[in-house]
Amino acid sequence: MLNKNWVKLNRATKEYTDAAWDFVKMVERNYGFPNKIICPCKKCRNLNHHKVDKDWERDWCMKVMGDLWRSSKSRLVTKLNELPNEQERLKLKPDNIKSETEWRVFVREKTSKQFQSRESSKPVTRVQAFLKTHTKKNGEPVNAQAAEVIEKLQVLANEKPDSCTTQNTVQDALTIIFGPDKNGRSLANGRGVTNTKLAILRARDDHISQLESSQCEMKNKMSEMMNLINTIAKSVNIQGFTQPSEAESHMPSPMSVNNLKFTPENNACNLLDWNGSGEIVAEGRWSSSDPLCEVHHLRLGPNAMRVWVDVAKKPTAYLWRPTSHMSTIEEAVGCTVAWPSNKVTMRYLWCTTNE
């Protein structure tokens, strides 16, 4: 029987690395094609095969395994927080966790207010990320090299405190210790993250914050206007004046209904769950069915459609072809995705015309 006890070991220890690599070699022996392992990444959907003979191939494989482990743990924590009570959360205990006590401790930690405050959207500096990923739960560094860097960070925190709190990756403490980042890399920000991507994400977050503040201000003004209208209506004693309900406020007037036309040219469609349930997971717009067109640098292929995702009906539903940046419907809103043709239904909308 396959030994899975190594998954509980500390991932920073040599015992975990050796046991994980033994697992990879076992997979290569039993499931290779030939003497190759199935690609563990989600970009190719486990269709490619690779050798793991060289050191860089081994490092790549271990990094991808680490990414998949963190992603699965993050999805599990999300499911735990969505459930209403502890009894439902205890039912999600994975098979590899034999002790119910350990699972209870994990559930209570991940659903506590303290953990929720740590997982807030507050920006995290590179120094904070480095300290978090290179320190054990008891506060000790994971190895001697990390201890040396942490000691230097403590010295810089006293001499140049701004270098440990700034979001500027060119002037922070890690740049002072390690030097400038190499092209296409950003230290302590995870694999695949670059300074260009960080700049784009920060600009996007600033723009979203401005839009949210503008929307909040507009709602307040609309509320004040409705209160003023109600006050005026009561003062002049207008008969039959009532504030429209939310459902009525979105209904077209009889004159506008006569000008509506039922037309398929809008390309509106529903995305059904590709996993077999048939549930509508998103609303979007059809873009193309050309097998040669590309979606996230991969050809669409036969029996598939490229669609824009506008509204996530089931945010946690998994994408048919996940990428390194998104794996659920919620993360794909505003982007194009590939979807099976038999899981896309056209959704006709009412459109106004000038006829």
Protein backbone atom coordinates (compact mmCIF):
# COMPACT_ATOMS: atom_id res chain seq x y z
CA MET A 1 0.00 0.00 0.00
CA LEU A 2 1.26 3.49 -0.84
CA ASN A 3 2.77 5.33 2.14
CA LYS A 4 1.35 8.85 2.45
CA ASN A 5 2.73 9.79 5.86
CA TRP A 6 5.30 12.10 4.24
CA VAL A 7 2.58 14.65 3.41
CA LYS A 8 2.33 15.48 7.14
CA LEU A 9 6.06 16.25 7.50
CA ASN A 10 7.45 19.76 7.69
CA ARG A 11 7.94 20.87 4.08
CA ALA A 12 11.17 22.70 4.98
CA THR A 13 12.93 19.51 6.17
CA LYS A 14 15.12 17.10 4.23
CA GLU A 15 12.89 14.18 5.26
CA TYR A 16 9.93 15.74 3.42
CA THR A 17 12.01 16.45 0.30
CA ASP A 18 13.42 12.90 0.15
CA ALA A 19 10.01 11.29 0.74
CA ALA A 20 8.34 13.53 -1.86
CA TRP A 21 11.03 12.70 -4.40
CA ASP A 22 10.61 8.95 -3.71
CA PHE A 23 6.91 9.45 -4.50
CA VAL A 24 7.80 11.16 -7.80
CA LYS A 25 10.15 8.31 -8.79
CA MET A 26 7.46 5.77 -7.92
CA VAL A 27 5.04 7.62 -10.20
CA GLU A 28 7.68 7.61 -12.93
CA ARG A 29 8.18 3.85 -12.60
CA ASN A 30 4.50 2.89 -12.48
CA TYR A 31 2.81 5.56 -14.61
CA GLY A 32 5.60 6.82 -16.88
CA PHE A 33 5.41 6.94 -20.66
CA PRO A 34 8.16 5.72 -20.91
CA ASN A 35 10.46 6.82 -18.03
CA LYS A 36 8.62 10.13 -17.87
CA ILE A 37 6.15 11.58 -15.40
CA ILE A 38 2.81 13.14 -16.23
CA CYS A 39 3.12 16.91 -16.12
CA PRO A 40 1.80 18.03 -12.68
CA CYS A 41 0.88 21.58 -13.78
CA LYS A 42 -2.65 22.64 -14.71
CA LYS A 43 -1.74 24.53 -17.87
CA CYS A 44 -1.66 21.41 -20.07
CA ARG A 45 -4.29 19.57 -17.95
CA ASN A 46 -1.84 16.70 -17.27
CA LEU A 47 -1.48 15.82 -20.96
CA ASN A 48 2.29 16.32 -21.40
CA HIS A 49 5.09 14.07 -20.12
CA HIS A 50 8.50 15.14 -18.82
CA LYS A 51 11.77 13.59 -17.68
CA VAL A 52 13.11 14.37 -14.22
CA ASP A 53 16.75 13.33 -14.55
CA LYS A 54 18.51 16.69 -14.24
CA ASP A 55 18.69 18.89 -11.17
CA TRP A 56 16.69 21.75 -12.71
CA GLU A 57 13.96 19.29 -13.76
CA ARG A 58 13.78 18.00 -10.19
CA ASP A 59 13.60 21.54 -8.78
CA TRP A 60 10.85 22.43 -11.26
CA CYS A 61 8.83 19.36 -10.33
CA MET A 62 9.12 20.05 -6.60
CA LYS A 63 8.10 23.70 -7.07
CA VAL A 64 5.01 22.71 -9.04
CA MET A 65 4.08 20.17 -6.36
CA GLY A 66 4.43 22.93 -3.78
CA ASP A 67 2.18 25.25 -5.81
CA LEU A 68 -0.48 22.55 -6.14
CA TRP A 69 -0.31 21.81 -2.41
CA ARG A 70 -0.80 25.48 -1.49
CA SER A 71 -3.66 25.84 -4.00
CA SER A 72 -5.49 22.78 -2.67
CA LYS A 73 -5.07 24.00 0.90
CA SER A 74 -6.38 27.45 -0.04
CA ARG A 75 -9.46 25.93 -1.72
CA LEU A 76 -10.08 23.77 1.36
CA VAL A 77 -9.94 26.81 3.67
CA THR A 78 -12.39 28.65 1.37
CA LYS A 79 -14.85 25.75 1.58
CA LEU A 80 -14.53 25.66 5.38
CA ASN A 81 -15.40 29.34 5.71
CA GLU A 82 -18.43 28.95 3.44
CA LEU A 83 -20.05 26.25 5.62
CA PRO A 84 -22.50 27.43 8.33
CA ASN A 85 -21.43 25.31 11.34
CA GLU A 86 -18.66 23.13 12.71
CA GLN A 87 -20.52 19.86 12.11
CA GLU A 88 -20.58 20.49 8.36
CA ARG A 89 -16.89 21.46 8.44
CA LEU A 90 -15.89 18.24 10.18
CA LYS A 91 -17.40 16.27 7.28
CA LEU A 92 -14.76 17.74 4.94
CA LYS A 93 -11.91 15.93 6.73
CA PRO A 94 -9.53 14.50 4.08
CA ASP A 95 -8.81 10.78 4.13
CA ASN A 96 -5.08 11.29 4.77
CA ILE A 97 -5.84 12.97 8.14
CA LYS A 98 -6.57 10.10 10.52
CA SER A 99 -6.82 12.07 13.76
CA GLU A 100 -10.11 13.90 14.23
CA THR A 101 -8.48 16.05 16.91
CA GLU A 102 -5.92 17.38 14.44
CA TRP A 103 -8.70 18.21 11.99
CA ARG A 104 -10.69 20.05 14.67
CA VAL A 105 -7.63 22.14 15.53
CA PHE A 106 -7.08 22.95 11.85
CA VAL A 107 -10.74 23.92 11.33
CA ARG A 108 -10.85 26.17 14.38
CA GLU A 109 -7.61 27.89 13.39
CA LYS A 110 -8.67 28.59 9.80
CA THR A 111 -12.15 29.81 10.77
CA SER A 112 -11.05 31.97 13.71
CA LYS A 113 -11.32 35.77 13.67
CA GLN A 114 -7.56 36.05 14.16
CA PHE A 115 -6.92 34.06 10.98
CA GLN A 116 -9.53 36.06 9.08
CA SER A 117 -7.81 39.30 10.09
CA ARG A 118 -4.47 37.93 8.83
CA GLU A 119 -6.07 36.90 5.53
CA SER A 120 -7.54 40.37 4.91
CA SER A 121 -6.83 42.36 1.75
CA LYS A 122 -4.28 44.57 3.52
CA PRO A 123 -1.14 44.87 1.33
CA VAL A 124 1.82 42.73 2.40
CA THR A 125 5.41 43.86 1.85
CA ARG A 126 8.11 41.59 0.46
CA VAL A 127 9.89 41.63 3.82
CA GLN A 128 6.76 40.38 5.58
CA ALA A 129 6.30 37.65 2.97
CA PHE A 130 9.95 36.56 3.32
CA LEU A 131 9.73 36.39 7.12
CA LYS A 132 6.46 34.45 6.96
CA THR A 133 7.74 31.85 4.49
CA HIS A 134 11.17 31.40 6.13
CA THR A 135 10.07 31.09 9.76
CA LYS A 136 8.63 28.06 11.54
CA LYS A 137 5.53 28.22 13.73
CA ASN A 138 7.71 28.36 16.85
CA GLY A 139 9.49 31.46 15.50
CA GLU A 140 12.75 29.75 14.47
CA PRO A 141 14.24 30.21 10.96
CA VAL A 142 13.80 27.24 8.62
CA ASN A 143 17.56 26.93 8.01
CA ALA A 144 20.93 28.62 8.65
CA GLN A 145 20.79 30.72 5.46
CA ALA A 146 17.36 32.09 6.38
CA ALA A 147 18.61 32.86 9.91
CA GLU A 148 21.45 34.94 8.45
CA VAL A 149 19.08 36.93 6.21
CA ILE A 150 16.58 37.48 9.05
CA GLU A 151 19.39 38.83 11.24
CA LYS A 152 20.32 41.32 8.52
CA LEU A 153 16.67 42.34 8.18
CA GLN A 154 16.51 43.06 11.92
CA VAL A 155 19.57 45.30 11.63
CA LEU A 156 18.03 47.18 8.69
CA ALA A 157 14.75 47.53 10.59
CA ASN A 158 16.62 49.52 13.23
CA GLU A 159 18.83 51.53 10.86
CA LYS A 160 16.39 52.05 7.95
CA PRO A 161 12.85 51.27 9.16
CA ASP A 162 11.27 52.52 5.92
CA SER A 163 13.08 49.80 3.94
CA CYS A 164 11.06 47.10 5.76
CA THR A 165 7.64 48.73 5.33
CA THR A 166 7.78 50.12 1.79
CA GLN A 167 5.98 48.54 -1.17
CA ASN A 168 8.70 49.80 -3.52
CA THR A 169 10.63 46.68 -4.53
CA VAL A 170 13.57 48.77 -5.74
CA GLN A 171 14.26 50.35 -2.36
CA ASP A 172 13.16 47.72 0.17
CA ALA A 173 15.39 45.74 2.55
CA LEU A 174 15.53 42.60 0.37
CA THR A 175 16.97 44.61 -2.51
CA ILE A 176 19.61 46.04 -0.16
CA ILE A 177 20.60 42.52 0.97
CA PHE A 178 20.31 40.51 -2.25
CA GLY A 179 20.70 43.25 -4.85
CA PRO A 180 18.30 44.10 -7.71
CA ASP A 181 15.93 41.40 -8.96
CA LYS A 182 16.81 39.53 -12.12
CA ASN A 183 14.73 40.06 -15.22
CA GLY A 184 11.42 38.21 -14.95
CA ARG A 185 11.83 37.55 -11.22
CA SER A 186 10.59 39.13 -8.00
CA LEU A 187 12.03 37.77 -4.77
CA ALA A 188 9.58 36.58 -2.05
CA ASN A 189 6.52 37.15 -4.28
CA GLY A 190 6.13 33.59 -5.52
CA ARG A 191 6.97 31.85 -8.76
CA GLY A 192 5.87 33.60 -11.96
CA VAL A 193 5.50 37.06 -10.37
CA THR A 194 7.41 39.96 -11.96
CA ASN A 195 7.75 43.64 -11.10
CA THR A 196 5.71 44.53 -14.20
CA LYS A 197 2.81 42.34 -13.04
CA LEU A 198 3.00 43.88 -9.57
CA ALA A 199 2.84 47.40 -11.02
CA ILE A 200 -0.20 46.46 -13.13
CA LEU A 201 -1.97 44.88 -10.16
CA ARG A 202 -1.33 47.91 -7.97
CA ALA A 203 -2.67 50.25 -10.66
CA ARG A 204 -5.74 48.02 -11.01
CA ASP A 205 -6.35 47.99 -7.24
CA ASP A 206 -6.07 51.79 -7.09
CA HIS A 207 -8.55 52.12 -9.96
CA ILE A 208 -10.99 49.72 -8.28
CA SER A 209 -10.74 51.68 -5.04
CA GLN A 210 -11.58 54.89 -6.87
CA LEU A 211 -14.57 53.26 -8.58
CA GLU A 212 -15.87 51.86 -5.28
CA SER A 213 -15.61 55.25 -3.59
CA SER A 214 -17.39 56.90 -6.55
CA GLN A 215 -20.15 54.29 -6.45
CA CYS A 216 -20.61 54.77 -2.70
CA GLU A 217 -20.83 58.54 -3.16
CA MET A 218 -23.37 58.14 -5.98
CA LYS A 219 -25.54 55.82 -3.85
CA ASN A 220 -25.56 58.35 -1.03
CA LYS A 221 -26.62 61.12 -3.42
CA MET A 222 -29.38 58.95 -4.90
CA SER A 223 -30.64 58.14 -1.41
CA GLU A 224 -30.72 61.84 -0.53
CA MET A 225 -32.61 62.62 -3.74
CA MET A 226 -35.25 59.94 -3.04
CA ASN A 227 -35.71 61.24 0.50
CA LEU A 228 -36.12 64.77 -0.87
CA ILE A 229 -38.68 63.63 -3.46
CA ASN A 230 -40.70 61.77 -0.81
CA THR A 231 -40.63 64.83 1.44
CA ILE A 232 -41.85 67.12 -1.38
CA ALA A 233 -44.56 64.65 -2.38
CA LYS A 234 -45.90 64.47 1.16
CA SER A 235 -45.78 68.25 1.57
CA VAL A 236 -47.89 68.94 -1.54
CA ASN A 237 -50.13 65.94 -0.78
CA ILE A 238 -49.83 64.28 -4.20
CA GLN A 239 -52.37 61.49 -4.44
CA GLY A 240 -51.16 58.06 -5.52
CA PHE A 241 -47.44 58.87 -5.23
CA THR A 242 -45.52 55.84 -4.01
CA GLN A 243 -41.86 54.98 -4.15
CA PRO A 244 -41.32 52.29 -6.80
CA SER A 245 -40.16 48.92 -5.60
CA GLU A 246 -36.80 47.50 -6.64
CA ALA A 247 -38.44 45.07 -9.09
CA GLU A 248 -40.59 47.81 -10.66
CA SER A 249 -37.64 50.18 -11.01
CA HIS A 250 -35.96 47.73 -13.41
CA MET A 251 -39.07 47.14 -15.58
CA PRO A 252 -39.33 48.99 -18.91
CA SER A 253 -42.22 51.37 -19.55
CA PRO A 254 -45.06 50.32 -21.92
CA MET A 255 -43.67 52.64 -24.60
CA SER A 256 -40.20 51.10 -24.40
CA VAL A 257 -41.63 47.55 -24.54
CA ASN A 258 -43.08 48.31 -27.98
CA ASN A 259 -39.60 49.27 -29.18
CA LEU A 260 -37.91 46.03 -27.98
CA LYS A 261 -36.79 43.40 -30.41
CA PHE A 262 -35.87 39.78 -29.69
CA THR A 263 -32.51 39.26 -31.50
CA PRO A 264 -29.64 36.74 -31.32
CA GLU A 265 -26.99 39.20 -32.52
CA ASN A 266 -25.96 40.07 -28.97
CA ASN A 267 -24.12 36.68 -28.63
CA ALA A 268 -25.31 36.31 -25.02
CA CYS A 269 -24.94 32.80 -23.64
CA ASN A 270 -25.04 30.68 -20.49
CA LEU A 271 -22.12 28.49 -19.40
CA LEU A 272 -23.22 25.15 -17.99
CA ASP A 273 -21.21 23.11 -15.50
CA TRP A 274 -18.85 20.99 -17.64
CA ASN A 275 -18.56 18.45 -14.82
CA GLY A 276 -22.00 17.00 -15.58
CA SER A 277 -24.49 18.71 -13.27
CA GLY A 278 -25.85 20.97 -16.04
CA GLU A 279 -26.12 23.91 -13.63
CA ILE A 280 -25.61 27.43 -15.01
CA VAL A 281 -22.26 28.57 -13.57
CA ALA A 282 -21.87 31.85 -15.48
CA GLU A 283 -23.38 34.26 -17.99
CA GLY A 284 -21.26 35.54 -20.84
CA ARG A 285 -20.91 36.28 -24.52
CA TRP A 286 -19.84 33.97 -27.32
CA SER A 287 -16.63 35.10 -29.02
CA SER A 288 -15.44 32.40 -31.43
CA SER A 289 -15.66 28.72 -32.36
CA ASP A 290 -12.60 28.69 -34.62
CA PRO A 291 -10.40 25.74 -33.55
CA LEU A 292 -7.27 27.71 -34.53
CA CYS A 293 -7.97 30.76 -32.36
CA GLU A 294 -6.00 30.98 -29.12
CA VAL A 295 -7.22 31.30 -25.54
CA HIS A 296 -4.42 32.17 -23.11
CA HIS A 297 -1.75 31.14 -25.64
CA LEU A 298 -3.35 27.72 -26.29
CA ARG A 299 -5.36 26.82 -29.40
CA LEU A 300 -9.07 26.40 -28.84
CA GLY A 301 -9.30 23.02 -30.57
CA PRO A 302 -12.40 21.16 -31.79
CA ASN A 303 -15.74 21.03 -29.96
CA ALA A 304 -14.96 24.14 -27.92
CA MET A 305 -15.92 27.82 -27.80
CA ARG A 306 -14.17 30.98 -26.68
CA VAL A 307 -16.53 33.02 -24.48
CA TRP A 308 -16.35 36.15 -22.37
CA VAL A 309 -17.34 35.64 -18.72
CA ASP A 310 -19.56 38.53 -17.54
CA VAL A 311 -21.39 37.28 -14.44
CA ALA A 312 -20.36 34.42 -12.12
CA LYS A 313 -23.49 32.49 -11.09
CA LYS A 314 -21.45 29.86 -9.24
CA PRO A 315 -18.17 31.56 -8.27
CA THR A 316 -16.46 28.40 -6.98
CA ALA A 317 -17.06 26.34 -10.16
CA TYR A 318 -13.82 25.21 -11.77
CA LEU A 319 -12.80 26.30 -15.25
CA TRP A 320 -12.64 23.76 -18.04
CA ARG A 321 -9.10 24.88 -18.89
CA PRO A 322 -7.56 26.54 -15.79
CA THR A 323 -4.45 28.70 -16.08
CA SER A 324 -1.71 29.72 -13.67
CA HIS A 325 -3.67 32.91 -12.88
CA MET A 326 -7.23 31.63 -12.58
CA SER A 327 -8.92 28.33 -11.84
CA THR A 328 -12.51 29.29 -10.90
CA ILE A 329 -15.34 31.18 -12.58
CA GLU A 330 -15.06 34.06 -10.12
CA GLU A 331 -11.42 34.65 -11.10
CA ALA A 332 -12.32 34.62 -14.82
CA VAL A 333 -14.91 37.43 -14.75
CA GLY A 334 -13.98 39.97 -17.43
CA CYS A 335 -11.75 37.49 -19.32
CA THR A 336 -12.15 35.00 -22.14
CA VAL A 337 -12.11 31.28 -21.39
CA ALA A 338 -12.44 28.06 -23.35
CA TRP A 339 -15.64 26.06 -22.76
CA PRO A 340 -17.07 22.83 -24.29
CA SER A 341 -19.51 23.55 -27.11
CA ASN A 342 -22.15 21.21 -25.70
CA LYS A 343 -22.04 23.11 -22.40
CA VAL A 344 -22.84 26.54 -23.90
CA THR A 345 -26.43 27.63 -24.52
CA MET A 346 -27.32 30.86 -26.30
CA ARG A 347 -29.27 33.35 -24.20
CA TYR A 348 -31.35 35.84 -26.22
CA LEU A 349 -31.67 39.31 -24.73
CA TRP A 350 -34.19 42.09 -25.29
CA CYS A 351 -32.49 44.90 -27.24
CA THR A 352 -33.94 48.32 -28.04
CA THR A 353 -34.16 49.43 -31.67
CA ASN A 354 -34.95 52.64 -33.46
CA GLU A 355 -37.25 51.03 -36.00
